[in-house]
All heavy atoms as atom14 arrays in JSON, in Angstrom:
{
  "sequence": "FFLLFLAYSLVYCLFIAATDLQYFIKFWTNGLPDTQAKFHIMFLFF",
  "atom14_mask": [
    [1, 1, 1, 1, 1, 1, 1, 1, 1, 1, 1, 0, 0, 0],
    [1, 1, 1, 1, 1, 1, 1, 1, 1, 1, 1, 0, 0, 0],
    [1, 1, 1, 1, 1, 1, 1, 1, 0, 0, 0, 0, 0, 0],
    [1, 1, 1, 1, 1, 1, 1, 1, 0, 0, 0, 0, 0, 0],
    [1, 1, 1, 1, 1, 1, 1, 1, 1, 1, 1, 0, 0, 0],
    [1, 1, 1, 1, 1, 1, 1, 1, 0, 0, 0, 0, 0, 0],
    [1, 1, 1, 1, 1, 0, 0, 0, 0, 0, 0, 0, 0, 0],
    [1, 1, 1, 1, 1, 1, 1, 1, 1, 1, 1, 1, 0, 0],
    [1, 1, 1, 1, 1, 1, 0, 0, 0, 0, 0, 0, 0, 0],
    [1, 1, 1, 1, 1, 1, 1, 1, 0, 0, 0, 0, 0, 0],
    [1, 1, 1, 1, 1, 1, 1, 0, 0, 0, 0, 0, 0, 0],
    [1, 1, 1, 1, 1, 1, 1, 1, 1, 1, 1, 1, 0, 0],
    [1, 1, 1, 1, 1, 1, 0, 0, 0, 0, 0, 0, 0, 0],
    [1, 1, 1, 1, 1, 1, 1, 1, 0, 0, 0, 0, 0, 0],
    [1, 1, 1, 1, 1, 1, 1, 1, 1, 1, 1, 0, 0, 0],
    [1, 1, 1, 1, 1, 1, 1, 1, 0, 0, 0, 0, 0, 0],
    [1, 1, 1, 1, 1, 0, 0, 0, 0, 0, 0, 0, 0, 0],
    [1, 1, 1, 1, 1, 0, 0, 0, 0, 0, 0, 0, 0, 0],
    [1, 1, 1, 1, 1, 1, 1, 0, 0, 0, 0, 0, 0, 0],
    [1, 1, 1, 1, 1, 1, 1, 1, 0, 0, 0, 0, 0, 0],
    [1, 1, 1, 1, 1, 1, 1, 1, 0, 0, 0, 0, 0, 0],
    [1, 1, 1, 1, 1, 1, 1, 1, 1, 0, 0, 0, 0, 0],
    [1, 1, 1, 1, 1, 1, 1, 1, 1, 1, 1, 1, 0, 0],
    [1, 1, 1, 1, 1, 1, 1, 1, 1, 1, 1, 0, 0, 0],
    [1, 1, 1, 1, 1, 1, 1, 1, 0, 0, 0, 0, 0, 0],
    [1, 1, 1, 1, 1, 1, 1, 1, 1, 0, 0, 0, 0, 0],
    [1, 1, 1, 1, 1, 1, 1, 1, 1, 1, 1, 0, 0, 0],
    [1, 1, 1, 1, 1, 1, 1, 1, 1, 1, 1, 1, 1, 1],
    [1, 1, 1, 1, 1, 1, 1, 0, 0, 0, 0, 0, 0, 0],
    [1, 1, 1, 1, 1, 1, 1, 1, 0, 0, 0, 0, 0, 0],
    [1, 1, 1, 1, 0, 0, 0, 0, 0, 0, 0, 0, 0, 0],
    [1, 1, 1, 1, 1, 1, 1, 1, 0, 0, 0, 0, 0, 0],
    [1, 1, 1, 1, 1, 1, 1, 0, 0, 0, 0, 0, 0, 0],
    [1, 1, 1, 1, 1, 1, 1, 1, 0, 0, 0, 0, 0, 0],
    [1, 1, 1, 1, 1, 1, 1, 0, 0, 0, 0, 0, 0, 0],
    [1, 1, 1, 1, 1, 1, 1, 1, 1, 0, 0, 0, 0, 0],
    [1, 1, 1, 1, 1, 0, 0, 0, 0, 0, 0, 0, 0, 0],
    [1, 1, 1, 1, 1, 1, 1, 1, 1, 0, 0, 0, 0, 0],
    [1, 1, 1, 1, 1, 1, 1, 1, 1, 1, 1, 0, 0, 0],
    [1, 1, 1, 1, 1, 1, 1, 1, 1, 1, 0, 0, 0, 0],
    [1, 1, 1, 1, 1, 1, 1, 1, 0, 0, 0, 0, 0, 0],
    [1, 1, 1, 1, 1, 1, 1, 1, 0, 0, 0, 0, 0, 0],
    [1, 1, 1, 1, 1, 1, 1, 1, 1, 1, 1, 0, 0, 0],
    [1, 1, 1, 1, 1, 1, 1, 1, 0, 0, 0, 0, 0, 0],
    [1, 1, 1, 1, 1, 1, 1, 1, 1, 1, 1, 0, 0, 0],
    [1, 1, 1, 1, 1, 1, 1, 1, 1, 1, 1, 0, 0, 0]
  ],
  "atom14_positions": [
    [[16.0, 0.86, 35.15], [14.91, 0.11, 34.77], [14.25, 0.58, 33.46], [13.86, -0.35, 32.64], [13.73, 0.11, 35.85], [14.21, -0.23, 37.19], [13.66, 0.46, 38.37], [15.32, -1.11, 37.57], [14.08, 0.16, 39.6], [15.57, -1.47, 38.73], [15.07, -0.84, 39.76], [0.0, 0.0, 0.0], [0.0, 0.0, 0.0], [0.0, 0.0, 0.0]],
    [[14.3, 1.9, 33.2], [13.79, 2.44, 31.9], [14.72, 1.88, 30.8], [14.22, 1.59, 29.73], [13.68, 3.88, 32.08], [13.17, 4.55, 30.74], [11.84, 4.4, 30.38], [14.04, 5.21, 29.91], [11.51, 5.12, 29.31], [13.7, 5.77, 28.74], [12.32, 5.8, 28.37], [0.0, 0.0, 0.0], [0.0, 0.0, 0.0], [0.0, 0.0, 0.0]],
    [[15.94, 1.98, 31.04], [16.9, 1.55, 29.96], [16.72, 0.1, 29.64], [16.6, -0.36, 28.53], [18.34, 1.72, 30.45], [18.85, 3.22, 30.34], [20.34, 3.31, 30.95], [18.9, 3.65, 28.84], [0.0, 0.0, 0.0], [0.0, 0.0, 0.0], [0.0, 0.0, 0.0], [0.0, 0.0, 0.0], [0.0, 0.0, 0.0], [0.0, 0.0, 0.0]],
    [[16.6, -0.87, 30.65], [16.33, -2.22, 30.44], [14.99, -2.39, 29.86], [14.94, -3.4, 29.08], [16.44, -3.04, 31.85], [17.8, -2.88, 32.41], [17.74, -3.73, 33.81], [18.85, -3.57, 31.62], [0.0, 0.0, 0.0], [0.0, 0.0, 0.0], [0.0, 0.0, 0.0], [0.0, 0.0, 0.0], [0.0, 0.0, 0.0], [0.0, 0.0, 0.0]],
    [[14.11, -1.72, 30.16], [12.73, -1.93, 29.47], [12.92, -1.63, 27.93], [12.24, -2.37, 27.24], [11.73, -0.91, 30.21], [10.55, -0.54, 29.26], [9.71, -1.61, 28.95], [10.3, 0.66, 28.97], [8.49, -1.36, 28.35], [9.11, 0.98, 28.21], [8.2, -0.13, 27.79], [0.0, 0.0, 0.0], [0.0, 0.0, 0.0], [0.0, 0.0, 0.0]],
    [[13.52, -0.55, 27.61], [13.82, -0.2, 26.18], [14.62, -1.33, 25.54], [14.24, -1.78, 24.47], [14.48, 1.1, 26.04], [13.86, 2.32, 26.44], [14.71, 3.61, 26.2], [12.54, 2.56, 25.65], [0.0, 0.0, 0.0], [0.0, 0.0, 0.0], [0.0, 0.0, 0.0], [0.0, 0.0, 0.0], [0.0, 0.0, 0.0], [0.0, 0.0, 0.0]],
    [[15.58, -1.85, 26.31], [16.47, -2.93, 25.62], [15.73, -4.23, 25.42], [15.84, -4.77, 24.39], [17.69, -3.09, 26.57], [0.0, 0.0, 0.0], [0.0, 0.0, 0.0], [0.0, 0.0, 0.0], [0.0, 0.0, 0.0], [0.0, 0.0, 0.0], [0.0, 0.0, 0.0], [0.0, 0.0, 0.0], [0.0, 0.0, 0.0], [0.0, 0.0, 0.0]],
    [[14.98, -4.63, 26.48], [14.34, -5.97, 26.33], [13.03, -5.78, 25.39], [12.63, -6.78, 24.79], [13.91, -6.38, 27.79], [14.92, -6.87, 28.6], [15.03, -6.39, 29.92], [15.99, -7.7, 28.2], [16.11, -6.78, 30.73], [17.09, -8.11, 28.81], [17.13, -7.67, 30.09], [18.24, -8.14, 30.87], [0.0, 0.0, 0.0], [0.0, 0.0, 0.0]],
    [[12.45, -4.64, 25.39], [11.51, -4.34, 24.36], [12.1, -4.54, 22.96], [11.38, -5.13, 21.98], [10.8, -3.01, 24.53], [10.21, -2.86, 25.83], [0.0, 0.0, 0.0], [0.0, 0.0, 0.0], [0.0, 0.0, 0.0], [0.0, 0.0, 0.0], [0.0, 0.0, 0.0], [0.0, 0.0, 0.0], [0.0, 0.0, 0.0], [0.0, 0.0, 0.0]],
    [[13.1, -3.98, 22.69], [13.82, -4.0, 21.29], [14.09, -5.47, 21.08], [13.78, -5.94, 19.97], [14.97, -3.03, 21.35], [15.78, -3.06, 20.12], [14.94, -2.67, 18.89], [17.05, -2.16, 20.17], [0.0, 0.0, 0.0], [0.0, 0.0, 0.0], [0.0, 0.0, 0.0], [0.0, 0.0, 0.0], [0.0, 0.0, 0.0], [0.0, 0.0, 0.0]],
    [[14.81, -6.19, 21.98], [15.09, -7.49, 21.75], [13.8, -8.39, 21.5], [13.81, -9.22, 20.61], [15.93, -8.06, 22.9], [16.2, -9.6, 22.8], [17.2, -7.37, 23.03], [0.0, 0.0, 0.0], [0.0, 0.0, 0.0], [0.0, 0.0, 0.0], [0.0, 0.0, 0.0], [0.0, 0.0, 0.0], [0.0, 0.0, 0.0], [0.0, 0.0, 0.0]],
    [[12.86, -8.15, 22.26], [11.57, -8.82, 22.13], [10.94, -8.69, 20.73], [10.6, -9.66, 20.16], [10.56, -8.46, 23.11], [9.34, -9.19, 23.27], [9.37, -10.64, 23.59], [8.12, -8.57, 23.31], [8.22, -11.24, 23.64], [6.89, -9.26, 23.32], [7.07, -10.54, 23.51], [5.77, -11.35, 23.67], [0.0, 0.0, 0.0], [0.0, 0.0, 0.0]],
    [[10.93, -7.4, 20.3], [10.26, -7.13, 18.97], [11.19, -7.69, 17.89], [10.65, -8.23, 16.84], [10.22, -5.65, 18.78], [8.87, -4.89, 19.81], [0.0, 0.0, 0.0], [0.0, 0.0, 0.0], [0.0, 0.0, 0.0], [0.0, 0.0, 0.0], [0.0, 0.0, 0.0], [0.0, 0.0, 0.0], [0.0, 0.0, 0.0], [0.0, 0.0, 0.0]],
    [[12.55, -7.55, 18.02], [13.39, -8.26, 16.97], [13.2, -9.76, 16.83], [13.19, -10.22, 15.83], [14.87, -7.72, 17.2], [15.2, -6.31, 17.03], [16.67, -6.13, 17.47], [15.09, -5.89, 15.61], [0.0, 0.0, 0.0], [0.0, 0.0, 0.0], [0.0, 0.0, 0.0], [0.0, 0.0, 0.0], [0.0, 0.0, 0.0], [0.0, 0.0, 0.0]],
    [[13.05, -10.35, 18.01], [12.9, -11.82, 18.18], [11.66, -12.18, 17.51], [11.63, -13.08, 16.65], [12.93, -12.28, 19.65], [12.85, -13.67, 19.84], [13.83, -14.61, 19.56], [11.4, -14.26, 20.03], [13.55, -15.95, 19.87], [11.24, -15.52, 20.23], [12.41, -16.35, 20.14], [0.0, 0.0, 0.0], [0.0, 0.0, 0.0], [0.0, 0.0, 0.0]],
    [[10.56, -11.42, 17.7], [9.29, -11.76, 17.03], [9.31, -11.54, 15.51], [8.87, -12.39, 14.79], [8.12, -10.91, 17.65], [7.89, -11.26, 19.14], [6.92, -11.04, 16.79], [6.84, -10.42, 19.78], [0.0, 0.0, 0.0], [0.0, 0.0, 0.0], [0.0, 0.0, 0.0], [0.0, 0.0, 0.0], [0.0, 0.0, 0.0], [0.0, 0.0, 0.0]],
    [[9.98, -10.41, 15.07], [10.09, -10.24, 13.66], [10.94, -11.29, 12.93], [10.67, -11.65, 11.76], [10.73, -8.69, 13.42], [0.0, 0.0, 0.0], [0.0, 0.0, 0.0], [0.0, 0.0, 0.0], [0.0, 0.0, 0.0], [0.0, 0.0, 0.0], [0.0, 0.0, 0.0], [0.0, 0.0, 0.0], [0.0, 0.0, 0.0], [0.0, 0.0, 0.0]],
    [[12.0, -11.73, 13.62], [12.86, -12.74, 13.05], [12.21, -14.0, 12.93], [12.37, -14.73, 11.83], [14.16, -12.86, 13.93], [0.0, 0.0, 0.0], [0.0, 0.0, 0.0], [0.0, 0.0, 0.0], [0.0, 0.0, 0.0], [0.0, 0.0, 0.0], [0.0, 0.0, 0.0], [0.0, 0.0, 0.0], [0.0, 0.0, 0.0], [0.0, 0.0, 0.0]],
    [[11.46, -14.47, 13.92], [10.86, -15.75, 13.89], [9.6, -15.73, 13.02], [9.1, -16.87, 12.57], [10.42, -16.25, 15.27], [9.66, -15.13, 15.96], [11.57, -16.5, 16.23], [0.0, 0.0, 0.0], [0.0, 0.0, 0.0], [0.0, 0.0, 0.0], [0.0, 0.0, 0.0], [0.0, 0.0, 0.0], [0.0, 0.0, 0.0], [0.0, 0.0, 0.0]],
    [[9.06, -14.56, 12.79], [7.79, -14.49, 11.95], [8.22, -14.19, 10.51], [7.24, -14.32, 9.64], [6.92, -13.28, 12.5], [5.6, -13.22, 11.88], [4.99, -14.36, 11.73], [5.08, -12.16, 11.56], [0.0, 0.0, 0.0], [0.0, 0.0, 0.0], [0.0, 0.0, 0.0], [0.0, 0.0, 0.0], [0.0, 0.0, 0.0], [0.0, 0.0, 0.0]],
    [[9.55, -13.92, 10.21], [9.74, -13.55, 8.87], [9.54, -14.7, 7.83], [9.02, -14.32, 6.72], [11.34, -13.19, 8.84], [11.92, -12.71, 7.47], [11.28, -11.56, 6.95], [13.45, -12.56, 7.61], [0.0, 0.0, 0.0], [0.0, 0.0, 0.0], [0.0, 0.0, 0.0], [0.0, 0.0, 0.0], [0.0, 0.0, 0.0], [0.0, 0.0, 0.0]],
    [[9.91, -15.91, 8.15], [9.63, -16.94, 7.12], [8.22, -17.04, 6.75], [7.89, -17.41, 5.57], [10.22, -18.26, 7.7], [9.64, -18.72, 9.03], [10.21, -20.05, 9.53], [10.36, -20.91, 8.6], [10.32, -20.24, 10.85], [0.0, 0.0, 0.0], [0.0, 0.0, 0.0], [0.0, 0.0, 0.0], [0.0, 0.0, 0.0], [0.0, 0.0, 0.0]],
    [[7.28, -16.84, 7.79], [5.86, -17.0, 7.61], [5.48, -15.74, 6.72], [4.44, -15.81, 5.88], [5.06, -17.22, 8.79], [5.53, -18.35, 9.51], [6.34, -18.28, 10.62], [5.03, -19.66, 9.14], [6.75, -19.4, 11.41], [5.57, -20.83, 9.92], [6.36, -20.63, 10.89], [6.65, -21.79, 11.59], [0.0, 0.0, 0.0], [0.0, 0.0, 0.0]],
    [[6.03, -14.7, 7.01], [5.67, -13.37, 6.23], [6.03, -13.5, 4.86], [5.37, -13.13, 3.93], [6.47, -12.27, 6.88], [6.14, -10.87, 6.18], [4.97, -10.25, 6.53], [7.07, -10.33, 5.42], [4.73, -9.06, 5.82], [6.92, -9.11, 4.88], [5.66, -8.49, 5.0], [0.0, 0.0, 0.0], [0.0, 0.0, 0.0], [0.0, 0.0, 0.0]],
    [[7.17, -14.2, 4.6], [7.57, -14.41, 3.15], [6.58, -15.41, 2.47], [6.2, -15.19, 1.34], [8.98, -14.88, 3.14], [10.09, -13.87, 3.6], [9.37, -15.34, 1.72], [11.52, -14.37, 3.79], [0.0, 0.0, 0.0], [0.0, 0.0, 0.0], [0.0, 0.0, 0.0], [0.0, 0.0, 0.0], [0.0, 0.0, 0.0], [0.0, 0.0, 0.0]],
    [[6.26, -16.42, 3.19], [5.24, -17.45, 2.62], [3.85, -16.73, 2.33], [3.26, -17.1, 1.32], [5.14, -18.59, 3.56], [6.28, -19.41, 3.75], [5.89, -20.55, 4.64], [7.26, -21.52, 4.76], [6.89, -22.62, 5.61], [0.0, 0.0, 0.0], [0.0, 0.0, 0.0], [0.0, 0.0, 0.0], [0.0, 0.0, 0.0], [0.0, 0.0, 0.0]],
    [[3.57, -15.77, 3.03], [2.22, -14.97, 2.86], [2.2, -14.4, 1.47], [1.38, -14.47, 0.79], [2.12, -13.96, 3.93], [0.99, -13.03, 3.72], [-0.26, -13.43, 4.09], [1.16, -11.83, 3.05], [-1.34, -12.56, 3.8], [0.07, -10.96, 2.83], [-1.26, -11.32, 3.22], [0.0, 0.0, 0.0], [0.0, 0.0, 0.0], [0.0, 0.0, 0.0]],
    [[3.45, -13.76, 0.99], [3.52, -13.08, -0.27], [3.75, -14.15, -1.37], [3.61, -13.76, -2.48], [4.56, -12.08, -0.25], [4.2, -10.96, 0.7], [4.77, -10.68, 2.0], [3.19, -9.92, 0.42], [4.23, -9.7, 2.58], [3.3, -9.01, 1.68], [2.44, -9.56, -0.54], [2.52, -8.01, 1.89], [1.58, -8.49, -0.36], [1.66, -7.64, 0.78]],
    [[4.09, -15.29, -1.05], [4.41, -16.34, -2.16], [3.27, -17.36, -2.09], [3.6, -18.43, -2.73], [5.8, -16.85, -1.83], [5.75, -17.66, -0.56], [6.96, -15.99, -2.14], [0.0, 0.0, 0.0], [0.0, 0.0, 0.0], [0.0, 0.0, 0.0], [0.0, 0.0, 0.0], [0.0, 0.0, 0.0], [0.0, 0.0, 0.0], [0.0, 0.0, 0.0]],
    [[2.11, -17.0, -1.48], [1.06, -17.94, -1.36], [1.47, -19.32, -0.8], [0.96, -20.29, -1.21], [0.44, -18.07, -2.76], [-0.1, -16.74, -3.25], [-0.62, -16.08, -2.35], [0.02, -16.52, -4.52], [0.0, 0.0, 0.0], [0.0, 0.0, 0.0], [0.0, 0.0, 0.0], [0.0, 0.0, 0.0], [0.0, 0.0, 0.0], [0.0, 0.0, 0.0]],
    [[2.33, -19.26, 0.13], [2.75, -20.65, 0.78], [1.93, -20.96, 1.99], [2.23, -21.91, 2.63], [0.0, 0.0, 0.0], [0.0, 0.0, 0.0], [0.0, 0.0, 0.0], [0.0, 0.0, 0.0], [0.0, 0.0, 0.0], [0.0, 0.0, 0.0], [0.0, 0.0, 0.0], [0.0, 0.0, 0.0], [0.0, 0.0, 0.0], [0.0, 0.0, 0.0]],
    [[1.07, -20.07, 2.42], [0.24, -20.31, 3.59], [-1.16, -20.68, 3.25], [-1.7, -20.35, 2.14], [0.22, -18.98, 4.46], [1.54, -18.65, 5.14], [1.32, -17.34, 5.9], [1.97, -19.67, 6.06], [0.0, 0.0, 0.0], [0.0, 0.0, 0.0], [0.0, 0.0, 0.0], [0.0, 0.0, 0.0], [0.0, 0.0, 0.0], [0.0, 0.0, 0.0]],
    [[-1.75, -21.32, 4.09], [-3.33, -21.81, 3.83], [-4.07, -20.53, 3.8], [-3.8, -19.59, 4.53], [-3.69, -22.68, 5.08], [-2.27, -23.23, 5.61], [-1.34, -22.14, 5.17], [0.0, 0.0, 0.0], [0.0, 0.0, 0.0], [0.0, 0.0, 0.0], [0.0, 0.0, 0.0], [0.0, 0.0, 0.0], [0.0, 0.0, 0.0], [0.0, 0.0, 0.0]],
    [[-5.17, -20.6, 2.95], [-5.98, -19.28, 2.87], [-6.99, -19.24, 3.98], [-8.2, -19.57, 3.88], [-6.78, -19.47, 1.55], [-7.48, -18.05, 1.16], [-7.12, -17.15, 1.84], [-8.25, -18.11, 0.32], [0.0, 0.0, 0.0], [0.0, 0.0, 0.0], [0.0, 0.0, 0.0], [0.0, 0.0, 0.0], [0.0, 0.0, 0.0], [0.0, 0.0, 0.0]],
    [[-6.4, -18.88, 5.15], [-7.34, -18.56, 6.36], [-6.88, -17.29, 6.92], [-6.09, -16.52, 6.35], [-6.86, -19.7, 7.49], [-5.59, -19.49, 7.79], [-7.1, -21.02, 6.96], [0.0, 0.0, 0.0], [0.0, 0.0, 0.0], [0.0, 0.0, 0.0], [0.0, 0.0, 0.0], [0.0, 0.0, 0.0], [0.0, 0.0, 0.0], [0.0, 0.0, 0.0]],
    [[-7.75, -16.84, 7.93], [-7.61, -15.49, 8.54], [-6.24, -15.46, 9.23], [-5.78, -14.32, 9.46], [-8.69, -15.12, 9.48], [-10.15, -15.01, 8.79], [-11.27, -14.66, 9.72], [-10.96, -14.72, 10.99], [-12.35, -14.1, 9.16], [0.0, 0.0, 0.0], [0.0, 0.0, 0.0], [0.0, 0.0, 0.0], [0.0, 0.0, 0.0], [0.0, 0.0, 0.0]],
    [[-5.67, -16.52, 9.63], [-4.45, -16.57, 10.4], [-3.27, -15.8, 9.62], [-2.41, -15.3, 10.18], [-4.03, -18.0, 10.75], [0.0, 0.0, 0.0], [0.0, 0.0, 0.0], [0.0, 0.0, 0.0], [0.0, 0.0, 0.0], [0.0, 0.0, 0.0], [0.0, 0.0, 0.0], [0.0, 0.0, 0.0], [0.0, 0.0, 0.0], [0.0, 0.0, 0.0]],
    [[-3.25, -15.92, 8.3], [-2.24, -15.26, 7.53], [-2.19, -13.88, 7.64], [-1.21, -13.16, 7.69], [-2.22, -15.78, 6.16], [-3.44, -15.29, 5.37], [-3.34, -15.84, 3.83], [-4.47, -15.13, 2.96], [-4.28, -15.72, 1.61], [0.0, 0.0, 0.0], [0.0, 0.0, 0.0], [0.0, 0.0, 0.0], [0.0, 0.0, 0.0], [0.0, 0.0, 0.0]],
    [[-3.34, -13.18, 7.9], [-3.37, -11.76, 8.11], [-2.94, -11.35, 9.45], [-2.31, -10.27, 9.62], [-4.85, -11.31, 7.86], [-5.32, -11.42, 6.37], [-6.15, -12.43, 6.12], [-5.06, -10.49, 5.5], [-6.68, -12.6, 4.86], [-5.53, -10.69, 4.28], [-6.35, -11.7, 3.81], [0.0, 0.0, 0.0], [0.0, 0.0, 0.0], [0.0, 0.0, 0.0]],
    [[-3.05, -12.21, 10.39], [-2.45, -12.08, 11.71], [-0.99, -12.04, 11.67], [-0.32, -11.32, 12.33], [-3.0, -13.08, 12.63], [-4.49, -12.94, 12.98], [-5.16, -14.1, 13.57], [-5.34, -12.06, 12.57], [-6.39, -13.76, 13.68], [-6.61, -12.45, 13.03], [0.0, 0.0, 0.0], [0.0, 0.0, 0.0], [0.0, 0.0, 0.0], [0.0, 0.0, 0.0]],
    [[-0.45, -12.96, 10.83], [1.01, -13.06, 10.67], [1.57, -11.71, 10.07], [2.59, -11.29, 10.54], [1.29, -14.37, 9.86], [1.09, -15.51, 10.62], [2.8, -14.32, 9.41], [1.25, -16.79, 9.85], [0.0, 0.0, 0.0], [0.0, 0.0, 0.0], [0.0, 0.0, 0.0], [0.0, 0.0, 0.0], [0.0, 0.0, 0.0], [0.0, 0.0, 0.0]],
    [[0.88, -11.34, 9.15], [1.34, -10.07, 8.42], [1.25, -8.85, 9.4], [2.28, -8.1, 9.41], [0.39, -9.71, 7.2], [1.01, -8.47, 6.47], [-0.14, -8.07, 4.96], [-1.74, -7.75, 5.88], [0.0, 0.0, 0.0], [0.0, 0.0, 0.0], [0.0, 0.0, 0.0], [0.0, 0.0, 0.0], [0.0, 0.0, 0.0], [0.0, 0.0, 0.0]],
    [[0.21, -8.76, 10.16], [0.09, -7.61, 11.07], [1.11, -7.7, 12.16], [1.71, -6.65, 12.59], [-1.23, -7.61, 11.77], [-1.5, -6.59, 12.84], [-1.68, -5.36, 12.62], [-1.42, -7.01, 14.16], [-1.84, -4.41, 13.63], [-1.54, -6.19, 15.26], [-1.79, -4.78, 14.9], [0.0, 0.0, 0.0], [0.0, 0.0, 0.0], [0.0, 0.0, 0.0]],
    [[1.35, -8.96, 12.64], [2.44, -9.23, 13.74], [3.69, -8.8, 13.25], [4.51, -8.09, 13.93], [2.42, -10.64, 14.11], [3.4, -11.02, 15.26], [3.09, -10.26, 16.53], [3.3, -12.52, 15.5], [0.0, 0.0, 0.0], [0.0, 0.0, 0.0], [0.0, 0.0, 0.0], [0.0, 0.0, 0.0], [0.0, 0.0, 0.0], [0.0, 0.0, 0.0]],
    [[4.06, -9.05, 11.95], [5.36, -8.73, 11.53], [5.64, -7.29, 11.28], [6.55, -6.76, 11.76], [5.69, -9.43, 10.17], [7.04, -9.16, 9.55], [8.15, -9.85, 9.99], [7.16, -8.06, 8.56], [9.38, -9.55, 9.39], [8.35, -7.86, 8.0], [9.49, -8.5, 8.38], [0.0, 0.0, 0.0], [0.0, 0.0, 0.0], [0.0, 0.0, 0.0]],
    [[4.52, -6.65, 10.87], [4.66, -5.2, 10.56], [4.76, -4.46, 11.87], [5.51, -3.51, 12.01], [3.44, -4.66, 9.83], [3.6, -4.71, 8.31], [2.75, -5.43, 7.47], [4.7, -4.03, 7.67], [2.94, -5.64, 6.11], [4.9, -4.11, 6.32], [3.96, -4.95, 5.51], [0.0, 0.0, 0.0], [0.0, 0.0, 0.0], [0.0, 0.0, 0.0]]
  ]
}
């Protein structure tokens, strides 16, 4: 169970980082609306 917990945690984090990457790039290229949500996107990716 501990091994599967590590495996699924890793897959889950990689999945979040991959789906959030495009918005993270837009954050640095000013492609996102100027709201507080963009800081949440940056924190989530990191």
